[in-house]
Structures are given as structure tokens and as C-alpha cells.
Amino acid sequence: MHRRVAIVTDSTACLPPQLAEKLGITVAQIQLRIGDQVDDEARVPLPRLVDALRDQEDVATSPPDPGAFFWTYADAATAGAEAVVSLHVSTDLSRTAEAARQAADQARVPVHVVDTRTCGMSLGYAVVAAATAAAAGGDVRRVVAAAQQSFRRSTELFYVDTLEYLRRGGRIGAAAALLGSALSVKPLLTMTDGRIAPLDKVLGAERALRRMIDIAVGRAGGGEVDIAVEHFSAPERAQSVLEQLRAKLPTVRRFLVTTVSSAIGAHVGPGAVGVTVSPV
């Protein structure tokens, strides 16, 4: 299908591959390093990453190479796109948008790089909104506006079993104040101004997950919303959270359960569960 505006994002959007393909979204892969081995995150088996994290192997992430973005934009131009909208993870978490901008300077068609100041399905639903607007024939301004309306109104909540993995990766920012918590006190986190920030501390995992659900319900309010439940090596927890949200939120347009990208999983660690609330 010919579209005037092509949509590109990165793998921290956590979009299920089938959804990205259906909407014509191109996903650039964040690079994942375990020890001396570097590869696209989608090519690293999940059990391998989980074992590496638990065994305290050296794990790190890095943005896609600018060259990967250049060829992605070139392919879009060859396919007939008149412009590209490239939506990416917060620059406070990754230099991905910077790599995209380097490639955009060399592209044959105008490329509009957007730092969404978020990650996960808050980014993912913004990308979906952009792709939907592009499929309807929207120009660049309309496509970017659809994405901005989505990510600016979205809430990203997540529970982690421990802050240790975020500490290792240098991603916790203000959440560092929670590091002294007792082992049984579980942190809830959110995205604020493009950074991971503490939201609450709750005694015990189950109580923390229930608290996260209550916060999500409050953020949803009475309007129509899209909901995503994301997890890293915690499918049973994610399913339980989904079922509780279904019971409490009758005005949900779309429910989605997905595994977070390995690049995010490397920082939040096994057992993490997130909820995205995206007003329609």
C-alpha cells in the first residue's frame, strides 16, 4: 500500500511483530550486548538474556547504527514515501533519536524525528496512532500531531522485583532514593519528563501489583482508553494484571499483552510488569 508518510520506530516500542507488519511500521532494532557478543535485540533468545542477568554477566544496550536508519529511510523513499516520521524512545534513556537524526540529515526525503520522551507501549501506541493517521492519507503534520496527542496523554507504570538491574544500567535517575528499601518493599515506577521516576513503595509483590492496577484505573478515568500490559519473563503475572484490569475498566477500546523488548528487559529485570494507559 502506497502511503505518503512512512512510519519508523525502534524496538523499545514493544510492538508485537504482527501488529507492526499489519500497520506497515518499520522497527529498527536496539543493539544488545552480552559479554563480547553484540546483536539485534530481536535475535537474542529471551532465556539467554534472563540467564545472563541472573548470573550477573555484563549486559548493555546501544542504539541502532545511524546506517541502519539511513537504509530504512532509503527503503521508504524507494517505496514511494514522500516523507518519514521516525518516533523514538526518550533521549534521557537512549541515544536512539540522535542516531536517527544523523541518518535523517542524509535521507532523500524529509525525515521528522520525534523524541517521544517515553518508552514501552506509551511509545508503541503513539506509533500506532501515527500509522493509522498515515494510512488515512494524513500529511506529516497530521501524523506527528496524532502521535503527540497519544504519547503526551499516556501513562507508563511499571513494577520491578528489584532496582538492581536499573542501577547497573544507570537508568534509575530519581528512583535511586528507593535503593535503600527493605527487600520486601517493592517499587512502582513511572515515566516523568522523559526519565524513570519513583511512584510508590508497597510491601510485597502482590500488594504492589494491586496498587499499580488501582493507579492505572485512576489514570484511565471514565473515558475510552487503550491498555497494554507488558512483562519481562513474567507471563502469569501479566495475565493476572490483565484480568483484573478487564474487570475494572469497562470502556477499553483495545487490550494488548506483550513481552517488553529485550533492551528494556535488560534494565528492568526478570519479573517486571508494566501497564500503559493511553486515552483514545
Protein backbone atom coordinates (compact mmCIF):
# COMPACT_ATOMS: atom_id res chain seq x y z
CA MET A 1 0.00 0.00 0.00
CA HIS A 2 1.42 3.38 -1.01
CA ARG A 3 1.48 5.91 1.79
CA ARG A 4 2.62 9.48 1.61
CA VAL A 5 4.22 9.23 5.06
CA ALA A 6 6.23 6.21 6.23
CA ILE A 7 6.40 5.36 9.94
CA VAL A 8 9.60 4.19 11.65
CA THR A 9 10.23 3.44 15.32
CA ASP A 10 12.64 1.45 17.45
CA SER A 11 12.21 -1.83 19.25
CA THR A 12 11.64 -0.24 22.67
CA ALA A 13 8.10 0.47 21.39
CA CYS A 14 7.41 -3.20 22.27
CA LEU A 15 5.00 -3.59 19.35
CA PRO A 16 4.02 -7.19 18.60
CA PRO A 17 5.59 -8.02 15.21
CA GLN A 18 2.23 -8.93 13.68
CA LEU A 19 0.78 -5.53 14.61
CA ALA A 20 3.78 -3.65 13.22
CA GLU A 21 3.57 -5.60 9.96
CA LYS A 22 -0.19 -5.07 9.66
CA LEU A 23 0.20 -1.30 10.05
CA GLY A 24 3.27 -1.01 7.82
CA ILE A 25 5.56 0.15 10.64
CA THR A 26 9.31 -0.37 10.28
CA VAL A 27 11.09 -1.21 13.56
CA ALA A 28 14.80 -0.51 13.98
CA GLN A 29 16.44 -2.88 16.44
CA ILE A 30 18.23 -1.70 19.56
CA GLN A 31 21.58 -3.46 19.97
CA LEU A 32 22.06 -5.82 22.91
CA ARG A 33 25.46 -6.85 24.21
CA ILE A 34 26.05 -9.86 26.46
CA GLY A 35 29.72 -10.20 27.30
CA ASP A 36 31.54 -9.75 23.99
CA GLN A 37 28.57 -10.72 21.81
CA VAL A 38 26.52 -7.93 20.16
CA ASP A 39 23.40 -8.45 18.08
CA ASP A 40 19.97 -7.02 17.26
CA GLU A 41 17.88 -7.49 20.38
CA ALA A 42 15.25 -9.48 18.46
CA ARG A 43 17.91 -12.08 17.60
CA VAL A 44 18.91 -12.76 21.22
CA PRO A 45 16.86 -15.61 22.75
CA LEU A 46 14.95 -14.45 25.83
CA PRO A 47 16.20 -17.33 28.05
CA ARG A 48 19.79 -16.38 27.18
CA LEU A 49 19.25 -12.82 28.38
CA VAL A 50 17.41 -13.88 31.53
CA ASP A 51 20.23 -16.27 32.45
CA ALA A 52 22.84 -13.58 31.77
CA LEU A 53 21.09 -11.11 34.05
CA ARG A 54 20.68 -13.60 36.88
CA ASP A 55 24.31 -14.72 36.51
CA GLN A 56 25.44 -11.07 36.63
CA GLU A 57 27.08 -11.21 33.22
CA ASP A 58 27.98 -7.90 31.60
CA VAL A 59 24.85 -6.79 29.74
CA ALA A 60 24.44 -3.46 27.93
CA THR A 61 22.32 -1.85 25.23
CA SER A 62 23.11 0.65 22.48
CA PRO A 63 21.15 2.47 19.76
CA PRO A 64 20.86 1.19 16.20
CA ASP A 65 23.70 2.34 13.99
CA PRO A 66 22.86 5.51 12.02
CA GLY A 67 23.49 3.45 8.88
CA ALA A 68 20.58 1.17 9.76
CA PHE A 69 18.30 4.21 9.94
CA PHE A 70 19.72 5.58 6.67
CA TRP A 71 18.83 2.44 4.74
CA THR A 72 15.43 2.26 6.41
CA TYR A 73 14.67 5.80 5.23
CA ALA A 74 16.07 5.00 1.79
CA ASP A 75 13.79 1.97 1.51
CA ALA A 76 10.79 4.13 2.43
CA ALA A 77 11.68 6.63 -0.28
CA THR A 78 12.12 3.85 -2.84
CA ALA A 79 8.67 2.53 -1.89
CA GLY A 80 7.19 5.92 -2.75
CA ALA A 81 7.01 7.71 0.59
CA GLU A 82 7.24 11.48 0.35
CA ALA A 83 8.30 11.83 3.99
CA VAL A 84 9.13 9.76 7.07
CA VAL A 85 8.04 10.21 10.67
CA SER A 86 10.52 8.46 12.97
CA LEU A 87 9.32 8.07 16.59
CA HIS A 88 11.74 7.04 19.32
CA VAL A 89 12.45 6.29 22.96
CA SER A 90 13.24 9.18 25.31
CA THR A 91 16.69 10.68 24.77
CA ASP A 92 17.19 10.52 28.55
CA LEU A 93 17.17 6.73 28.25
CA SER A 94 18.89 6.16 24.90
CA ARG A 95 20.74 7.97 22.11
CA THR A 96 18.47 6.33 19.52
CA ALA A 97 16.83 9.58 18.38
CA GLU A 98 20.30 11.09 17.95
CA ALA A 99 21.30 8.21 15.64
CA ALA A 100 18.06 8.70 13.71
CA ARG A 101 18.76 12.41 13.28
CA GLN A 102 22.24 11.70 11.91
CA ALA A 103 20.69 9.46 9.28
CA ALA A 104 17.87 11.91 8.60
CA ASP A 105 20.41 14.54 7.52
CA GLN A 106 21.45 12.25 4.64
CA ALA A 107 18.00 10.98 3.61
CA ARG A 108 16.48 11.60 0.15
CA VAL A 109 13.11 12.57 1.62
CA PRO A 110 12.28 14.73 4.65
CA VAL A 111 12.54 12.76 7.89
CA HIS A 112 10.87 14.11 11.03
CA VAL A 113 12.50 12.57 14.11
CA VAL A 114 10.37 12.74 17.26
CA ASP A 115 11.69 12.18 20.78
CA THR A 116 8.54 10.87 22.48
CA ARG A 117 10.02 11.26 25.99
CA THR A 118 8.72 7.81 26.89
CA CYS A 119 9.20 4.11 26.08
CA GLY A 120 7.30 0.83 26.02
CA MET A 121 3.74 0.79 24.78
CA SER A 122 3.33 4.50 25.52
CA LEU A 123 5.67 4.82 22.56
CA GLY A 124 4.02 1.86 20.87
CA TYR A 125 0.51 3.29 20.95
CA ALA A 126 1.84 6.64 19.69
CA VAL A 127 3.39 4.80 16.75
CA VAL A 128 0.08 3.03 16.11
CA ALA A 129 -1.72 6.40 16.15
CA ALA A 130 0.81 7.79 13.67
CA ALA A 131 0.50 4.79 11.37
CA THR A 132 -3.30 4.99 11.48
CA ALA A 133 -3.19 8.66 10.52
CA ALA A 134 -0.74 7.92 7.70
CA ALA A 135 -2.93 5.09 6.38
CA ALA A 136 -5.85 7.52 6.26
CA GLY A 137 -3.84 9.78 3.96
CA GLY A 138 -2.66 12.26 6.56
CA ASP A 139 0.25 14.56 5.83
CA VAL A 140 3.30 14.88 8.07
CA ARG A 141 1.74 17.48 10.33
CA ARG A 142 -1.34 15.35 10.94
CA VAL A 143 0.72 12.21 11.51
CA VAL A 144 3.02 13.91 14.04
CA ALA A 145 0.05 15.51 15.80
CA ALA A 146 -1.65 12.12 16.17
CA ALA A 147 1.49 10.67 17.75
CA GLN A 148 1.98 13.66 20.06
CA GLN A 149 -1.60 13.54 21.28
CA SER A 150 -1.09 9.88 22.15
CA PHE A 151 2.25 9.95 23.95
CA ARG A 152 1.59 13.21 25.80
CA ARG A 153 -1.59 11.78 27.34
CA SER A 154 -0.30 8.27 28.03
CA THR A 155 0.76 6.92 31.40
CA GLU A 156 3.53 4.32 31.74
CA LEU A 157 3.57 2.39 35.02
CA PHE A 158 5.82 -0.49 35.93
CA TYR A 159 6.62 -2.82 38.77
CA VAL A 160 10.07 -4.36 39.23
CA ASP A 161 11.15 -7.08 41.62
CA THR A 162 14.37 -5.19 42.29
CA LEU A 163 16.01 -1.93 41.25
CA GLU A 164 19.37 -3.68 40.89
CA TYR A 165 19.15 -4.02 37.09
CA LEU A 166 18.19 -0.36 36.64
CA ARG A 167 21.06 0.59 38.93
CA ARG A 168 23.53 -1.47 36.89
CA GLY A 169 22.44 0.22 33.68
CA GLY A 170 22.44 3.73 35.13
CA ARG A 171 18.77 4.26 34.25
CA ILE A 172 17.10 4.89 37.60
CA GLY A 173 17.68 8.63 38.00
CA ALA A 174 15.42 9.89 40.80
CA ALA A 175 14.45 6.32 41.62
CA ALA A 176 17.86 5.93 43.30
CA ALA A 177 16.16 7.12 46.51
CA LEU A 178 14.40 3.77 46.68
CA LEU A 179 17.56 1.67 46.67
CA GLY A 180 17.75 1.52 50.44
CA SER A 181 14.34 -0.13 50.74
CA ALA A 182 13.98 -3.39 52.56
CA LEU A 183 13.85 -6.48 50.34
CA SER A 184 10.11 -6.97 50.90
CA VAL A 185 9.28 -3.39 49.85
CA LYS A 186 8.58 -3.34 46.13
CA PRO A 187 8.94 -0.20 44.00
CA LEU A 188 6.45 1.14 41.48
CA LEU A 189 7.92 3.42 38.83
CA THR A 190 6.66 5.72 36.10
CA MET A 191 7.95 7.93 33.29
CA THR A 192 8.20 11.63 34.18
CA ASP A 193 9.74 14.24 31.87
CA GLY A 194 11.42 11.51 29.85
CA ARG A 195 13.00 9.77 32.83
CA ILE A 196 12.23 6.84 35.08
CA ALA A 197 10.94 8.14 38.39
CA PRO A 198 9.64 6.60 41.65
CA LEU A 199 5.89 6.46 42.06
CA ASP A 200 5.24 4.41 45.18
CA LYS A 201 6.68 1.77 47.53
CA VAL A 202 4.48 -1.14 48.62
CA LEU A 203 5.09 -4.06 50.95
CA GLY A 204 5.10 -7.31 48.97
CA ALA A 205 4.80 -8.11 45.27
CA GLU A 206 1.08 -8.88 45.18
CA ARG A 207 0.14 -5.70 47.00
CA ALA A 208 2.41 -3.70 44.72
CA LEU A 209 0.76 -5.14 41.62
CA ARG A 210 -2.71 -4.40 43.03
CA ARG A 211 -1.59 -0.84 43.75
CA MET A 212 -0.34 -0.48 40.18
CA ILE A 213 -3.71 -1.69 38.89
CA ASP A 214 -5.53 0.82 41.07
CA ILE A 215 -3.33 3.64 39.80
CA ALA A 216 -3.92 2.55 36.20
CA VAL A 217 -7.68 2.53 36.76
CA GLY A 218 -7.48 6.01 38.26
CA ARG A 219 -5.44 7.31 35.32
CA ALA A 220 -7.93 5.81 32.86
CA GLY A 221 -10.81 7.69 34.46
CA GLY A 222 -14.17 7.22 32.77
CA GLY A 223 -13.07 7.79 29.18
CA GLU A 224 -12.22 5.33 26.43
CA VAL A 225 -8.64 4.09 26.59
CA ASP A 226 -6.18 1.64 25.10
CA ILE A 227 -4.48 -0.59 27.66
CA ALA A 228 -1.28 -2.59 27.31
CA VAL A 229 0.18 -4.98 29.86
CA GLU A 230 3.88 -5.57 29.32
CA HIS A 231 6.13 -8.06 31.08
CA PHE A 232 9.63 -9.46 31.09
CA SER A 233 9.74 -13.18 31.84
CA ALA A 234 6.53 -12.90 33.91
CA PRO A 235 3.62 -14.13 31.73
CA GLU A 236 1.47 -15.35 34.64
CA ARG A 237 1.75 -12.01 36.45
CA ALA A 238 0.89 -10.17 33.25
CA GLN A 239 -2.19 -12.32 32.64
CA SER A 240 -3.39 -11.76 36.19
CA VAL A 241 -2.95 -7.99 35.84
CA LEU A 242 -4.82 -8.07 32.54
CA GLU A 243 -7.77 -9.96 34.00
CA GLN A 244 -8.05 -7.54 36.92
CA LEU A 245 -7.93 -4.56 34.58
CA ARG A 246 -10.63 -6.09 32.37
CA ALA A 247 -12.89 -6.37 35.39
CA LYS A 248 -12.31 -2.78 36.48
CA LEU A 249 -12.24 -0.93 33.13
CA PRO A 250 -15.38 -1.34 31.02
CA THR A 251 -14.51 1.36 28.46
CA VAL A 252 -11.33 -0.09 26.96
CA ARG A 253 -11.07 0.07 23.17
CA ARG A 254 -8.04 -2.20 22.91
CA PHE A 255 -6.36 -4.61 25.33
CA LEU A 256 -2.90 -5.88 24.45
CA VAL A 257 -0.45 -8.13 26.28
CA THR A 258 3.15 -8.14 25.10
CA THR A 259 6.65 -9.04 26.20
CA VAL A 260 8.79 -5.94 26.60
CA SER A 261 11.74 -5.62 24.27
CA SER A 262 14.92 -7.27 25.49
CA ALA A 263 16.54 -3.82 25.59
CA ILE A 264 14.01 -2.78 28.23
CA GLY A 265 14.10 -6.17 29.92
CA ALA A 266 17.85 -5.85 30.37
CA HIS A 267 17.21 -2.83 32.60
CA VAL A 268 14.04 -3.80 34.47
CA GLY A 269 14.98 -7.44 35.05
CA PRO A 270 13.00 -10.69 35.20
CA GLY A 271 9.60 -10.46 36.87
CA ALA A 272 8.89 -6.88 35.78
CA VAL A 273 5.34 -5.96 34.72
CA GLY A 274 4.17 -2.69 33.20
CA VAL A 275 0.83 -1.10 32.37
CA THR A 276 0.29 1.53 29.69
CA VAL A 277 -2.85 3.68 29.83
CA SER A 278 -3.40 5.54 26.56
CA PRO A 279 -6.54 7.70 26.30
CA VAL A 280 -8.21 7.48 22.92
